[in-house]
Amino acid sequence: MKALLIYPLFPKSFWSFDKAIELAGRKAILPPLGLVTVAALLPQTWDLRLVDRNVEALTEADWDWAELVIFSGMIVQKPDMLAQIREAKRRGKSVAVGGPYATALSHEVIEAGADFRVLDEGEITLPMLVEAIEKGETSGTFRALERPDVGTSPVPRFDLLDLNAYSEMAIQFSRGCPFQCEFCDIIVLYGRKPRTKSPEQLIAELECLYELGWRRSIFMVDDNFIGNKRNVKLMLKALVPWMKEKGYPFTFSTEASVDLANDQEMMDLMTACNFGAVFLGVETPDSDSLKVTQKFQNVRDPLSESIHKIASTGIRVMAGFIIGFDGEKKGAGDRIVQFVEKCSIPTALFSMLQALPDTALWHRLEKENRLLAGKETANIHQTTLMNFVPTRPVEEVAQEYVDAFWNLYDPQKYLDRTYRHYRILGEAPCYNDKSRGPKPKSAKEPFNWHLLKALFIVCWKQGIERETRSTFWIYLIQMFKHNRGGVASYLTVCAQIEHFLEYRQIVKDEIESQIAEVVASRGPETEQPALTARSRIGA
């Protein structure tokens, strides 16, 4: 069987980092870990070919070669995935579709023409697909009645990737999250009992990447890395000597809940393994909104203190924020900006709340008749309005969102808080550990001249062209004095403003255009108050 695995396009978004990636000479941030795992789960006697449309184009030769076409992706990739499914069927190909999008909205991939729906987690459902194909079946839906043991998952087929195309590599240690945030679909897809691989399993994956010549950053894609603290610590304790033996070839980043700050042993183990950054789901500094959305883990300790504690351990903090929670008071956007500035968080993902399919939020809003017709599937990047009726005027929420996004990525404010954050990092004990030194270069990876060009562009734009010119050089000199080991990482984060400056304009234009359409759709009765959930449900 000749199976063509296709990863659909991502739209431009906060996380696409288009300009920053271009500066570094890469084509995408992360590879399709799901598809290379699928490739490892399929019979290794099959001929496999992978095309990530974010880094290369599908060719006529690819289509002609394929007997079976397999798609996987997330909801945000929906437009291109549906288009490519239709194209595959137009060419007479057998199509199988799986992944988070197909699992959440399987009827949509059937309407596009998919023959096989391989839903839930592939360790269970992919063997069902293979068995059906071997029996000569031409269609089917395969679902799992239980959660698989991820300890049975093989080493992903990283060899199918063009490693030079990616800024970071991706691996996974666990699936699932113990919390019950109302808006999150992770617990719907993967459950509330985090399941982990064994330490030996994860190190085998790292060994594979090492042998392939990878020597850059690796993103641990777990949705809550510390969900199973016992098993994570066992893995980290096994990883410490491996990293030391190999000369610290990788730096790691991951996602975790804010209560990471309460576990100093965990943070120390992470820094000992070269974890340099963590993404935290802060959502909002408003405790009432956190309680409404059942994110109780964020109200147990002062958020700002938790963030400072993590950064003081030597782990750079990225954070996610959301506006539009029920009962939210006016000025939420300003409060988020103030919180980000107070905590000196350089990278702050900011979105309007979306009700994702099958989440607790989605079911509640459906019962309250607050989901907007035609928008039940949600759109989870930052250029669309909410897909439900909020409890305050949507225009008010949207304007606060646009203003806050604009302020967060003002070049001077961004540079200021990036510098402040790196000065905090530089005071951490792990930054004085000289034993890690420069990472060994791989013979398979030539010197990246794009990085030299990127350095020149960053210095030119931020140190000469913009109003940041004076502080840019002052901060850089201070970094060499107080955090010399963090200079390369600091400049990388500084470079990300090139993406955010472009993207904040896109956000402003798109959101203001949609608000204008909402206002226009109400007709001439401008004296009527804006529609809110309170007026609709009698609150």
Protein backbone atom coordinates (compact mmCIF):
# COMPACT_ATOMS: atom_id res chain seq x y z
CA MET A 1 0.00 0.00 0.00
CA LYS A 2 1.26 3.45 -0.97
CA ALA A 3 -0.01 5.87 1.67
CA LEU A 4 0.36 9.63 1.26
CA LEU A 5 0.12 11.49 4.58
CA ILE A 6 -0.93 15.14 4.16
CA TYR A 7 -0.76 17.87 6.81
CA PRO A 8 -3.03 20.83 5.88
CA LEU A 9 -2.09 24.50 5.88
CA PHE A 10 -2.24 26.63 9.02
CA PRO A 11 -3.67 30.13 8.56
CA LYS A 12 -1.58 33.09 9.65
CA SER A 13 -1.99 33.30 13.41
CA PHE A 14 -0.32 34.42 16.63
CA TRP A 15 1.73 31.22 16.73
CA SER A 16 2.69 31.11 13.06
CA PHE A 17 5.57 33.57 13.71
CA ASP A 18 5.83 34.13 9.95
CA LYS A 19 8.31 36.99 9.97
CA ALA A 20 10.47 35.50 12.72
CA ILE A 21 10.62 32.13 10.93
CA GLU A 22 11.50 33.84 7.66
CA LEU A 23 14.35 35.65 9.40
CA ALA A 24 15.70 32.34 10.68
CA GLY A 25 15.49 30.69 7.28
CA ARG A 26 12.87 28.14 8.38
CA LYS A 27 9.43 27.39 6.95
CA ALA A 28 7.34 26.38 9.98
CA ILE A 29 7.56 26.37 13.75
CA LEU A 30 6.66 22.73 14.44
CA PRO A 31 6.35 19.49 12.46
CA PRO A 32 3.17 17.37 12.27
CA LEU A 33 3.93 15.12 15.24
CA GLY A 34 0.54 13.44 14.92
CA LEU A 35 1.20 12.32 11.37
CA VAL A 36 4.72 11.03 11.99
CA THR A 37 3.24 9.05 14.89
CA VAL A 38 0.54 7.73 12.53
CA ALA A 39 3.32 6.72 10.14
CA ALA A 40 4.96 4.70 12.92
CA LEU A 41 1.66 2.99 13.79
CA LEU A 42 0.93 1.93 10.20
CA PRO A 43 2.40 -1.32 8.83
CA GLN A 44 6.07 -0.66 8.14
CA THR A 45 5.74 -2.80 5.01
CA TRP A 46 3.67 0.00 3.48
CA ASP A 47 5.32 2.69 1.38
CA LEU A 48 4.87 5.99 3.20
CA ARG A 49 5.28 9.56 1.99
CA LEU A 50 4.56 12.67 4.08
CA VAL A 51 3.78 16.14 2.74
CA ASP A 52 3.48 19.04 5.17
CA ARG A 53 1.78 21.73 3.10
CA ASN A 54 3.20 24.36 5.45
CA VAL A 55 6.71 23.65 4.17
CA GLU A 56 6.25 22.17 0.68
CA ALA A 57 3.70 21.91 -2.09
CA LEU A 58 1.80 18.81 -3.11
CA THR A 59 2.95 17.73 -6.56
CA GLU A 60 1.31 15.81 -9.36
CA ALA A 61 3.85 13.08 -8.70
CA ASP A 62 2.61 12.82 -5.08
CA TRP A 63 -1.00 12.44 -6.18
CA ASP A 64 -0.18 9.94 -8.92
CA TRP A 65 1.90 7.84 -6.51
CA ALA A 66 -0.74 7.55 -3.77
CA GLU A 67 -3.21 4.70 -3.34
CA LEU A 68 -4.45 5.87 0.06
CA VAL A 69 -4.43 9.49 1.29
CA ILE A 70 -4.41 10.12 5.04
CA PHE A 71 -5.18 13.50 6.59
CA SER A 72 -4.85 14.75 10.17
CA GLY A 73 -5.11 18.20 11.69
CA MET A 74 -6.81 20.61 14.06
CA ILE A 75 -9.94 22.73 13.74
CA VAL A 76 -7.90 25.77 12.73
CA GLN A 77 -6.72 23.79 9.67
CA LYS A 78 -10.28 23.00 8.59
CA PRO A 79 -10.46 25.09 5.35
CA ASP A 80 -7.41 23.53 3.72
CA MET A 81 -8.15 20.04 5.02
CA LEU A 82 -11.63 20.02 3.50
CA ALA A 83 -10.29 21.43 0.24
CA GLN A 84 -7.60 18.74 0.01
CA ILE A 85 -10.07 15.95 0.87
CA ARG A 86 -12.25 17.10 -2.02
CA GLU A 87 -9.22 17.25 -4.31
CA ALA A 88 -8.20 13.71 -3.35
CA LYS A 89 -11.69 12.43 -4.09
CA ARG A 90 -11.75 14.31 -7.41
CA ARG A 91 -8.65 12.34 -8.30
CA GLY A 92 -10.31 9.06 -7.35
CA LYS A 93 -8.21 8.40 -4.23
CA SER A 94 -9.27 6.50 -1.12
CA VAL A 95 -9.26 8.96 1.80
CA ALA A 96 -8.85 8.40 5.56
CA VAL A 97 -9.12 11.28 8.02
CA GLY A 98 -8.30 11.47 11.72
CA GLY A 99 -6.99 13.84 14.37
CA PRO A 100 -8.66 16.42 16.66
CA TYR A 101 -10.73 18.14 13.95
CA ALA A 102 -12.18 14.93 12.50
CA THR A 103 -12.89 13.60 16.00
CA ALA A 104 -14.73 16.77 17.07
CA LEU A 105 -16.64 17.37 13.82
CA SER A 106 -16.63 14.07 11.97
CA HIS A 107 -19.75 14.88 9.93
CA GLU A 108 -17.87 17.67 8.15
CA VAL A 109 -15.14 15.38 6.82
CA ILE A 110 -17.78 12.91 5.62
CA GLU A 111 -19.57 15.70 3.77
CA ALA A 112 -16.24 16.56 2.11
CA GLY A 113 -15.96 12.97 0.85
CA ALA A 114 -13.78 11.08 3.35
CA ASP A 115 -14.10 7.31 3.03
CA PHE A 116 -12.67 6.40 6.43
CA ARG A 117 -12.97 8.28 9.71
CA VAL A 118 -10.19 7.22 12.09
CA LEU A 119 -11.33 8.97 15.25
CA ASP A 120 -10.06 9.30 18.82
CA GLU A 121 -6.50 8.04 19.44
CA GLY A 122 -4.66 6.18 16.69
CA GLU A 123 -3.04 3.51 18.87
CA ILE A 124 -6.48 1.87 18.95
CA THR A 125 -8.23 3.02 15.78
CA LEU A 126 -5.42 2.82 13.18
CA PRO A 127 -5.18 -0.98 13.47
CA MET A 128 -8.93 -1.03 12.77
CA LEU A 129 -8.34 0.96 9.58
CA VAL A 130 -5.56 -1.38 8.47
CA GLU A 131 -7.72 -4.44 9.12
CA ALA A 132 -10.62 -2.95 7.15
CA ILE A 133 -8.38 -2.14 4.17
CA GLU A 134 -6.88 -5.64 4.23
CA LYS A 135 -10.41 -7.06 4.11
CA GLY A 136 -11.16 -4.98 1.04
CA GLU A 137 -13.58 -2.59 2.75
CA THR A 138 -13.89 0.83 1.12
CA SER A 139 -15.37 2.89 3.96
CA GLY A 140 -15.88 2.92 7.70
CA THR A 141 -15.81 4.77 10.98
CA PHE A 142 -13.47 3.61 13.73
CA ARG A 143 -13.83 4.72 17.34
CA ALA A 144 -12.08 3.79 20.57
CA LEU A 145 -14.12 2.65 23.56
CA GLU A 146 -11.22 3.31 25.92
CA ARG A 147 -8.08 5.43 26.22
CA PRO A 148 -4.96 3.71 24.90
CA ASP A 149 -1.84 3.05 26.91
CA VAL A 150 0.57 5.56 25.36
CA GLY A 151 3.36 3.32 26.60
CA THR A 152 2.64 1.19 23.52
CA SER A 153 3.15 4.08 21.09
CA PRO A 154 6.22 3.61 18.86
CA VAL A 155 8.98 6.13 18.14
CA PRO A 156 7.52 8.57 15.58
CA ARG A 157 8.88 8.42 12.04
CA PHE A 158 10.95 11.61 12.33
CA ASP A 159 12.95 10.41 9.33
CA LEU A 160 10.01 11.34 7.06
CA LEU A 161 10.48 15.03 7.92
CA ASP A 162 12.66 17.68 6.32
CA LEU A 163 14.25 18.68 9.63
CA ASN A 164 15.82 21.83 8.21
CA ALA A 165 12.35 23.23 7.48
CA TYR A 166 11.36 23.51 11.16
CA SER A 167 12.32 25.95 13.87
CA GLU A 168 11.58 23.43 16.62
CA MET A 169 11.00 19.71 16.86
CA ALA A 170 8.06 18.17 18.76
CA ILE A 171 7.72 15.18 21.05
CA GLN A 172 5.00 14.10 23.50
CA PHE A 173 5.31 12.53 26.94
CA SER A 174 1.71 12.59 28.16
CA ARG A 175 -1.90 13.00 27.09
CA GLY A 176 -4.75 14.33 29.19
CA CYS A 177 -5.15 16.95 31.93
CA PRO A 178 -6.48 16.58 35.50
CA PHE A 179 -8.32 19.91 35.50
CA GLN A 180 -11.79 20.76 34.19
CA CYS A 181 -11.59 24.22 32.59
CA GLU A 182 -14.98 24.79 30.99
CA PHE A 183 -13.70 26.06 27.64
CA CYS A 184 -10.99 23.44 27.05
CA ASP A 185 -11.40 20.50 24.65
CA ILE A 186 -8.30 18.60 25.83
CA ILE A 187 -10.23 16.70 28.49
CA VAL A 188 -12.87 15.88 25.86
CA LEU A 189 -10.30 14.49 23.44
CA TYR A 190 -7.85 12.87 25.87
CA GLY A 191 -9.53 12.62 29.26
CA ARG A 192 -8.77 13.89 32.76
CA LYS A 193 -6.39 11.11 33.75
CA PRO A 194 -2.97 11.98 32.29
CA ARG A 195 -1.34 8.96 30.66
CA THR A 196 2.42 8.99 30.18
CA LYS A 197 5.10 7.18 28.26
CA SER A 198 7.95 5.51 30.12
CA PRO A 199 11.23 7.40 30.64
CA GLU A 200 12.98 4.87 28.38
CA GLN A 201 10.39 5.46 25.67
CA LEU A 202 10.89 9.21 25.66
CA ILE A 203 14.67 8.93 25.71
CA ALA A 204 14.46 6.54 22.73
CA GLU A 205 12.64 9.29 20.80
CA LEU A 206 15.30 11.82 21.77
CA GLU A 207 18.01 9.36 20.77
CA CYS A 208 16.35 9.04 17.35
CA LEU A 209 16.35 12.82 16.88
CA TYR A 210 19.95 13.00 18.07
CA GLU A 211 21.02 10.36 15.53
CA LEU A 212 19.18 12.25 12.78
CA GLY A 213 21.34 15.28 13.59
CA TRP A 214 18.84 17.49 15.42
CA ARG A 215 20.56 19.96 17.77
CA ARG A 216 17.98 22.68 18.34
CA SER A 217 14.94 23.31 20.49
CA ILE A 218 12.31 20.66 21.20
CA PHE A 219 8.75 21.49 22.21
CA MET A 220 7.16 18.96 24.57
CA VAL A 221 3.62 19.23 23.22
CA ASP A 222 1.85 17.87 26.31
CA ASP A 223 -1.20 20.01 27.03
CA ASN A 224 -0.24 19.97 30.70
CA PHE A 225 3.28 18.65 31.13
CA ILE A 226 2.92 18.35 34.91
CA GLY A 227 -0.49 16.64 34.86
CA ASN A 228 1.05 13.44 36.24
CA LYS A 229 3.77 14.86 38.48
CA ARG A 230 5.08 11.54 39.75
CA ASN A 231 5.74 10.14 36.28
CA VAL A 232 7.14 13.42 34.97
CA LYS A 233 9.69 13.54 37.78
CA LEU A 234 10.71 9.95 37.08
CA MET A 235 11.24 10.85 33.43
CA LEU A 236 13.20 14.01 34.22
CA LYS A 237 15.46 12.15 36.64
CA ALA A 238 16.26 9.69 33.86
CA LEU A 239 16.73 12.51 31.35
CA VAL A 240 19.28 14.45 33.43
CA PRO A 241 22.18 11.98 32.96
CA TRP A 242 21.30 11.40 29.29
CA MET A 243 21.45 15.12 28.56
CA LYS A 244 24.74 15.45 30.41
CA GLU A 245 26.26 12.48 28.57
CA LYS A 246 25.23 13.91 25.19
CA GLY A 247 26.52 17.39 26.00
CA TYR A 248 23.10 19.04 26.36
CA PRO A 249 22.19 18.85 22.65
CA PHE A 250 18.66 20.22 23.08
CA THR A 251 16.74 22.93 24.86
CA PHE A 252 13.15 22.16 25.79
CA SER A 253 9.94 24.09 26.16
CA THR A 254 6.45 22.91 27.09
CA GLU A 255 2.99 23.82 28.41
CA ALA A 256 1.99 23.52 32.06
CA SER A 257 -0.53 24.73 34.60
CA VAL A 258 0.38 27.68 36.82
CA ASP A 259 0.67 25.44 39.88
CA LEU A 260 4.09 24.47 38.53
CA ALA A 261 5.26 27.35 40.75
CA ASN A 262 4.37 25.31 43.84
CA ASP A 263 6.75 22.47 43.00
CA GLN A 264 10.35 23.62 43.31
CA GLU A 265 11.68 20.10 42.82
CA MET A 266 9.88 19.89 39.47
CA MET A 267 11.23 23.25 38.31
CA ASP A 268 14.77 22.35 39.38
CA LEU A 269 14.57 19.06 37.48
CA MET A 270 13.29 20.89 34.42
CA THR A 271 16.14 23.39 34.41
CA ALA A 272 18.62 20.56 35.01
CA CYS A 273 17.28 19.01 31.78
CA ASN A 274 17.63 22.31 29.87
CA PHE A 275 13.96 23.33 29.89
CA GLY A 276 14.14 26.99 28.99
CA ALA A 277 10.51 28.07 28.53
CA VAL A 278 6.98 27.15 29.56
CA PHE A 279 3.58 28.27 28.27
CA LEU A 280 1.06 28.95 31.04
CA GLY A 281 -2.70 29.23 30.61
CA VAL A 282 -3.28 32.30 32.77
CA GLU A 283 -6.47 33.32 30.86
CA THR A 284 -7.32 36.38 32.97
CA PRO A 285 -6.25 38.15 36.17
CA ASP A 286 -9.97 38.45 37.12
CA SER A 287 -10.60 35.81 39.77
CA ASP A 288 -14.38 35.91 39.26
CA SER A 289 -13.96 34.98 35.59
CA LEU A 290 -11.56 32.17 36.52
CA LYS A 291 -14.16 30.73 38.88
CA VAL A 292 -16.90 31.01 36.24
CA THR A 293 -14.81 29.01 33.79
CA GLN A 294 -13.82 26.50 36.52
CA LYS A 295 -10.10 27.27 36.32
CA PHE A 296 -9.79 27.00 40.07
CA GLN A 297 -6.09 26.11 39.98
CA ASN A 298 -5.40 29.74 39.00
CA VAL A 299 -7.06 31.28 42.06
CA ARG A 300 -5.29 29.27 44.78
CA ASP A 301 -2.17 31.46 44.76
CA PRO A 302 -1.49 35.01 43.54
CA LEU A 303 -0.87 34.66 39.79
CA SER A 304 1.82 37.32 39.62
CA GLU A 305 3.82 35.65 42.40
CA SER A 306 3.57 32.27 40.67
CA ILE A 307 4.85 33.68 37.40
CA HIS A 308 7.74 35.47 39.10
CA LYS A 309 8.69 32.29 40.96
CA ILE A 310 8.83 30.26 37.73
CA ALA A 311 10.90 32.92 35.96
CA SER A 312 13.21 33.23 38.97
CA THR A 313 13.96 29.53 38.63
CA GLY A 314 15.27 30.21 35.13
CA ILE A 315 12.27 29.21 32.99
CA ARG A 316 11.03 31.82 30.51
CA VAL A 317 7.28 32.34 30.80
CA MET A 318 4.90 32.59 27.88
CA ALA A 319 1.24 32.99 28.78
CA GLY A 320 -2.23 32.75 27.25
CA PHE A 321 -5.05 35.22 27.93
CA ILE A 322 -8.74 35.24 26.99
CA ILE A 323 -11.37 37.96 26.97
CA GLY A 324 -15.14 37.45 26.86
CA PHE A 325 -15.96 35.29 29.88
CA ASP A 326 -19.49 35.39 31.26
CA GLY A 327 -20.02 38.12 33.84
CA GLU A 328 -16.77 39.84 32.85
CA LYS A 329 -16.62 43.48 33.91
CA LYS A 330 -15.75 46.36 31.61
CA GLY A 331 -12.03 47.05 31.26
CA ALA A 332 -10.93 43.40 31.13
CA GLY A 333 -8.59 44.15 28.22
CA ASP A 334 -6.80 46.90 30.14
CA ARG A 335 -6.47 44.65 33.19
CA ILE A 336 -4.81 41.97 31.08
CA VAL A 337 -2.32 44.49 29.64
CA GLN A 338 -1.54 45.78 33.13
CA PHE A 339 -1.01 42.23 34.39
CA VAL A 340 1.33 41.34 31.50
CA GLU A 341 3.36 44.50 32.14
CA LYS A 342 3.47 43.90 35.89
CA CYS A 343 4.72 40.34 35.39
CA SER A 344 7.07 41.30 32.52
CA ILE A 345 5.78 38.51 30.26
CA PRO A 346 7.24 39.01 26.77
CA THR A 347 5.00 36.63 24.80
CA ALA A 348 1.31 36.93 25.68
CA LEU A 349 -1.13 34.99 23.50
CA PHE A 350 -4.43 36.90 23.50
CA SER A 351 -7.75 35.67 22.10
CA MET A 352 -11.47 36.17 22.36
CA LEU A 353 -13.26 33.25 23.95
CA GLN A 354 -14.52 30.54 21.60
CA ALA A 355 -16.89 27.70 22.48
CA LEU A 356 -15.19 24.60 21.10
CA PRO A 357 -17.33 21.60 20.08
CA ASP A 358 -18.38 19.21 22.84
CA THR A 359 -16.74 21.20 25.66
CA ALA A 360 -18.65 21.98 28.85
CA LEU A 361 -18.87 25.60 27.69
CA TRP A 362 -20.30 24.53 24.33
CA HIS A 363 -22.98 22.38 25.97
CA ARG A 364 -23.93 25.10 28.45
CA LEU A 365 -24.24 27.77 25.78
CA GLU A 366 -26.23 25.39 23.58
CA LYS A 367 -28.75 24.88 26.40
CA GLU A 368 -28.95 28.65 26.86
CA ASN A 369 -29.50 29.12 23.10
CA ARG A 370 -26.44 31.37 22.91
CA LEU A 371 -24.41 29.68 20.17
CA LEU A 372 -24.52 31.73 16.99
CA ALA A 373 -26.11 29.99 14.03
CA GLY A 374 -23.55 28.66 11.56
CA LYS A 375 -20.61 29.23 13.92
CA GLU A 376 -20.93 26.22 16.23
CA THR A 377 -17.63 24.79 14.97
CA ALA A 378 -15.60 27.72 16.35
CA ASN A 379 -12.48 29.34 14.99
CA ILE A 380 -9.62 29.35 17.41
CA HIS A 381 -7.20 31.89 16.02
CA GLN A 382 -7.20 35.56 16.87
CA THR A 383 -8.98 37.24 13.96
CA THR A 384 -12.61 36.22 14.53
CA LEU A 385 -15.35 37.30 16.90
CA MET A 386 -16.77 34.98 19.51
CA ASN A 387 -19.09 32.25 18.21
CA PHE A 388 -21.66 32.88 20.94
CA VAL A 389 -23.59 35.76 22.50
CA PRO A 390 -21.54 37.22 25.40
CA THR A 391 -22.90 38.75 28.61
CA ARG A 392 -21.79 42.24 27.62
CA PRO A 393 -22.02 43.98 24.22
CA VAL A 394 -19.86 42.22 21.68
CA GLU A 395 -18.65 45.60 20.36
CA GLU A 396 -17.32 46.46 23.81
CA VAL A 397 -15.49 43.16 24.18
CA ALA A 398 -14.06 43.37 20.66
CA GLN A 399 -12.82 46.95 21.04
CA GLU A 400 -11.12 46.10 24.32
CA TYR A 401 -9.54 43.10 22.60
CA VAL A 402 -8.21 45.14 19.68
CA ASP A 403 -6.89 47.90 21.95
CA ALA A 404 -5.21 45.44 24.30
CA PHE A 405 -3.63 43.45 21.46
CA TRP A 406 -2.29 46.68 19.98
CA ASN A 407 -0.83 47.81 23.30
CA LEU A 408 0.70 44.44 24.14
CA TYR A 409 2.76 44.53 20.97
CA ASP A 410 3.84 48.13 21.00
CA PRO A 411 7.56 47.78 20.05
CA GLN A 412 8.87 49.72 23.03
CA LYS A 413 6.66 48.03 25.61
CA TYR A 414 7.51 44.63 24.17
CA LEU A 415 11.24 45.34 24.27
CA ASP A 416 11.02 46.72 27.82
CA ARG A 417 9.29 43.71 29.29
CA THR A 418 11.45 41.24 27.33
CA TYR A 419 14.54 42.86 28.84
CA ARG A 420 13.03 42.86 32.34
CA HIS A 421 12.10 39.20 31.99
CA TYR A 422 15.57 38.17 30.88
CA ARG A 423 17.16 40.06 33.75
CA ILE A 424 15.01 37.96 36.12
CA LEU A 425 16.06 34.80 34.28
CA GLY A 426 19.70 35.81 34.50
CA GLU A 427 19.58 35.82 38.27
CA ALA A 428 18.48 32.17 38.42
CA PRO A 429 21.07 29.68 39.78
CA CYS A 430 20.83 27.48 36.67
CA TYR A 431 22.09 30.33 34.48
CA ASN A 432 25.43 30.15 36.27
CA ASP A 433 25.91 26.48 35.39
CA LYS A 434 28.78 26.69 32.92
CA SER A 435 28.91 22.91 32.41
CA ARG A 436 26.17 23.03 29.80
CA GLY A 437 28.13 25.39 27.61
CA PRO A 438 27.55 25.66 23.86
CA LYS A 439 25.66 22.74 22.33
CA PRO A 440 27.68 20.48 20.00
CA LYS A 441 27.02 21.09 16.32
CA SER A 442 25.82 18.27 14.12
CA ALA A 443 27.89 17.40 11.09
CA LYS A 444 24.63 17.00 9.22
CA GLU A 445 23.55 20.60 9.84
CA PRO A 446 25.57 23.36 8.11
CA PHE A 447 25.96 26.83 9.53
CA ASN A 448 22.72 28.80 9.11
CA TRP A 449 23.69 32.06 7.42
CA HIS A 450 20.07 33.18 7.80
CA LEU A 451 20.72 33.68 11.51
CA LEU A 452 23.48 36.18 10.77
CA LYS A 453 21.14 38.01 8.40
CA ALA A 454 18.39 37.89 11.03
CA LEU A 455 20.69 39.42 13.63
CA PHE A 456 21.51 42.27 11.26
CA ILE A 457 17.83 42.92 10.50
CA VAL A 458 16.84 42.90 14.19
CA CYS A 459 19.67 45.29 15.08
CA TRP A 460 18.79 47.54 12.15
CA LYS A 461 15.04 47.71 12.75
CA GLN A 462 15.06 47.87 16.53
CA GLY A 463 18.43 49.55 17.06
CA ILE A 464 18.39 52.15 14.28
CA GLU A 465 15.11 52.43 12.39
CA ARG A 466 12.53 52.48 15.22
CA GLU A 467 12.08 54.63 18.31
CA THR A 468 13.46 51.72 20.32
CA ARG A 469 16.93 52.59 18.99
CA SER A 470 18.37 53.93 22.25
CA THR A 471 16.96 51.36 24.67
CA PHE A 472 17.74 48.45 22.31
CA TRP A 473 21.49 49.05 22.56
CA ILE A 474 21.40 49.88 26.28
CA TYR A 475 19.51 46.66 27.00
CA LEU A 476 21.82 44.59 24.82
CA ILE A 477 24.91 45.92 26.61
CA GLN A 478 23.27 45.22 29.98
CA MET A 479 22.42 41.69 28.83
CA PHE A 480 26.09 41.05 28.01
CA LYS A 481 26.99 42.31 31.49
CA HIS A 482 24.35 40.51 33.54
CA ASN A 483 23.04 37.56 31.49
CA ARG A 484 25.58 36.78 28.79
CA GLY A 485 24.37 33.18 28.45
CA GLY A 486 20.87 34.37 27.67
CA VAL A 487 21.76 36.85 24.89
CA ALA A 488 20.99 34.50 21.99
CA SER A 489 17.60 33.57 23.43
CA TYR A 490 16.89 37.21 24.27
CA LEU A 491 17.57 38.35 20.71
CA THR A 492 15.38 35.52 19.38
CA VAL A 493 12.45 36.72 21.48
CA CYS A 494 13.18 40.33 20.47
CA ALA A 495 12.95 39.23 16.83
CA GLN A 496 9.41 37.94 17.34
CA ILE A 497 8.09 41.51 17.41
CA GLU A 498 8.56 41.56 13.64
CA HIS A 499 5.74 39.00 13.42
CA PHE A 500 3.58 40.61 16.08
CA LEU A 501 3.74 44.07 14.53
CA GLU A 502 2.32 42.71 11.30
CA TYR A 503 -0.17 40.45 13.04
CA ARG A 504 -1.61 43.11 15.37
CA GLN A 505 -2.56 45.12 12.27
CA ILE A 506 -4.27 42.05 10.82
CA VAL A 507 -6.16 41.54 14.09
CA LYS A 508 -7.24 45.19 14.18
CA ASP A 509 -8.40 45.22 10.56
CA GLU A 510 -10.23 41.88 10.71
CA ILE A 511 -12.01 42.45 14.03
CA GLU A 512 -13.05 46.02 13.24
CA SER A 513 -14.40 44.87 9.88
CA GLN A 514 -16.47 42.14 11.52
CA ILE A 515 -17.81 44.52 14.14
CA ALA A 516 -18.86 46.92 11.39
CA GLU A 517 -20.78 44.06 9.77
CA VAL A 518 -22.48 43.23 13.07
CA VAL A 519 -23.53 46.85 13.55
CA ALA A 520 -24.72 47.16 9.96
CA SER A 521 -26.77 43.97 10.25
CA ARG A 522 -28.85 45.55 13.00
CA GLY A 523 -30.21 48.10 10.56
CA PRO A 524 -31.23 51.69 11.33
CA GLU A 525 -32.42 51.05 14.89
CA THR A 526 -29.18 52.36 16.36
CA GLU A 527 -30.86 53.43 19.57
CA GLN A 528 -31.42 49.80 20.57
CA PRO A 529 -28.85 48.37 22.99
CA ALA A 530 -26.43 45.81 21.67
CA LEU A 531 -27.55 42.21 21.98
CA THR A 532 -26.07 40.45 24.97
CA ALA A 533 -26.69 37.19 26.73
CA ARG A 534 -28.20 39.05 29.70
CA SER A 535 -30.94 40.46 27.49
CA ARG A 536 -31.52 37.10 25.81
CA ILE A 537 -31.64 34.84 28.85
CA GLY A 538 -33.21 37.32 31.23
CA ALA A 539 -30.16 37.77 33.40
